[in-house]
Amino acid sequence: MQPDHVDVSWDVAKSKWLIRIETGEEVIRRQCNEPKSADDQSLRSAAQKIVQDEGYESDLTRISVHR
């Protein structure tokens, strides 16, 4: 099963990247320890691993990075 949306954004309060996985009305939030200066490809790869760890199939092209 694939999630509807996967968004990556910087969480100012925690100083970490936030991975937000949406499937229907369910939203899963996970933190990522990549540095703030990480490039989009690194963030997408980290998000893909987290999505897979949660039991979903992931596609790098469906992961949105918001800076």
C-alpha atoms as a PDB file:
ATOM      1  CA  MET A   1       0.000   0.000   0.000  1.00  0.00           C
ATOM      2  CA  GLN A   2       1.255   3.473  -0.841  1.00  0.00           C
ATOM      3  CA  PRO A   3       0.615   6.571   1.268  1.00  0.00           C
ATOM      4  CA  ASP A   4      -1.405   9.413  -0.267  1.00  0.00           C
ATOM      5  CA  HIS A   5       1.208  12.052   0.602  1.00  0.00           C
ATOM      6  CA  VAL A   6       4.676  12.154   2.133  1.00  0.00           C
ATOM      7  CA  ASP A   7       5.963  15.586   3.145  1.00  0.00           C
ATOM      8  CA  VAL A   8       9.329  16.543   4.590  1.00  0.00           C
ATOM      9  CA  SER A   9       9.678  19.879   6.389  1.00  0.00           C
ATOM     10  CA  TRP A  10      11.957  21.483   8.962  1.00  0.00           C
ATOM     11  CA  ASP A  11      10.525  21.444  12.492  1.00  0.00           C
ATOM     12  CA  VAL A  12      11.840  24.654  14.070  1.00  0.00           C
ATOM     13  CA  ALA A  13      10.752  23.691  17.586  1.00  0.00           C
ATOM     14  CA  LYS A  14      12.719  20.427  17.563  1.00  0.00           C
ATOM     15  CA  SER A  15      15.455  21.446  15.102  1.00  0.00           C
ATOM     16  CA  LYS A  16      14.910  18.250  13.119  1.00  0.00           C
ATOM     17  CA  TRP A  17      13.295  17.256   9.856  1.00  0.00           C
ATOM     18  CA  LEU A  18       9.681  16.118  10.184  1.00  0.00           C
ATOM     19  CA  ILE A  19       8.437  13.325   7.912  1.00  0.00           C
ATOM     20  CA  ARG A  20       4.643  13.424   7.592  1.00  0.00           C
ATOM     21  CA  ILE A  21       2.993  10.346   6.059  1.00  0.00           C
ATOM     22  CA  GLU A  22      -0.704  10.665   5.106  1.00  0.00           C
ATOM     23  CA  THR A  23      -2.902   7.706   4.225  1.00  0.00           C
ATOM     24  CA  GLY A  24      -6.580   8.596   4.131  1.00  0.00           C
ATOM     25  CA  GLU A  25      -7.296  10.288   7.462  1.00  0.00           C
ATOM     26  CA  GLU A  26      -4.338   8.645   9.211  1.00  0.00           C
ATOM     27  CA  VAL A  27      -1.254  10.826   9.667  1.00  0.00           C
ATOM     28  CA  ILE A  28       2.056   9.448  10.925  1.00  0.00           C
ATOM     29  CA  ARG A  29       4.772  11.887  12.022  1.00  0.00           C
ATOM     30  CA  ARG A  30       8.402  10.858  12.412  1.00  0.00           C
ATOM     31  CA  GLN A  31      11.563  12.858  13.058  1.00  0.00           C
ATOM     32  CA  CYS A  32      14.683  12.579  10.908  1.00  0.00           C
ATOM     33  CA  ASN A  33      18.221  13.394  12.086  1.00  0.00           C
ATOM     34  CA  GLU A  34      19.558  14.657   8.748  1.00  0.00           C
ATOM     35  CA  PRO A  35      21.311  18.044   9.074  1.00  0.00           C
ATOM     36  CA  LYS A  36      19.335  21.180   8.207  1.00  0.00           C
ATOM     37  CA  SER A  37      21.612  21.727   5.200  1.00  0.00           C
ATOM     38  CA  ALA A  38      20.874  18.250   3.736  1.00  0.00           C
ATOM     39  CA  ASP A  39      20.068  18.190   0.035  1.00  0.00           C
ATOM     40  CA  ASP A  40      16.662  17.109  -1.280  1.00  0.00           C
ATOM     41  CA  GLN A  41      17.924  13.708  -2.447  1.00  0.00           C
ATOM     42  CA  SER A  42      19.232  12.844   1.042  1.00  0.00           C
ATOM     43  CA  LEU A  43      15.958  13.912   2.620  1.00  0.00           C
ATOM     44  CA  ARG A  44      13.913  11.904   0.131  1.00  0.00           C
ATOM     45  CA  SER A  45      16.055   8.823   0.793  1.00  0.00           C
ATOM     46  CA  ALA A  46      15.664   9.208   4.564  1.00  0.00           C
ATOM     47  CA  ALA A  47      11.906   9.696   4.166  1.00  0.00           C
ATOM     48  CA  GLN A  48      11.691   6.645   1.914  1.00  0.00           C
ATOM     49  CA  LYS A  49      13.362   4.494   4.579  1.00  0.00           C
ATOM     50  CA  ILE A  50      10.964   5.768   7.252  1.00  0.00           C
ATOM     51  CA  VAL A  51       7.959   5.118   4.998  1.00  0.00           C
ATOM     52  CA  GLN A  52       9.174   1.560   4.387  1.00  0.00           C
ATOM     53  CA  ASP A  53       9.791   1.070   8.128  1.00  0.00           C
ATOM     54  CA  GLU A  54       6.137   1.998   8.684  1.00  0.00           C
ATOM     55  CA  GLY A  55       5.093  -0.791   6.290  1.00  0.00           C
ATOM     56  CA  TYR A  56       4.261   1.265   3.208  1.00  0.00           C
ATOM     57  CA  GLU A  57       5.662   1.160  -0.305  1.00  0.00           C
ATOM     58  CA  SER A  58       7.347   4.391  -1.273  1.00  0.00           C
ATOM     59  CA  ASP A  59       8.236   6.207  -4.451  1.00  0.00           C
ATOM     60  CA  LEU A  60      10.900   8.936  -4.311  1.00  0.00           C
ATOM     61  CA  THR A  61       9.000  11.065  -6.826  1.00  0.00           C
ATOM     62  CA  ARG A  62       5.965  11.273  -4.505  1.00  0.00           C
ATOM     63  CA  ILE A  63       7.934  12.706  -1.567  1.00  0.00           C
ATOM     64  CA  SER A  64       7.656  16.515  -1.247  1.00  0.00           C
ATOM     65  CA  VAL A  65      10.397  18.520   0.464  1.00  0.00           C
ATOM     66  CA  HIS A  66       9.385  21.905   1.905  1.00  0.00           C
ATOM     67  CA  ARG A  67      12.113  24.271   3.013  1.00  0.00           C
END
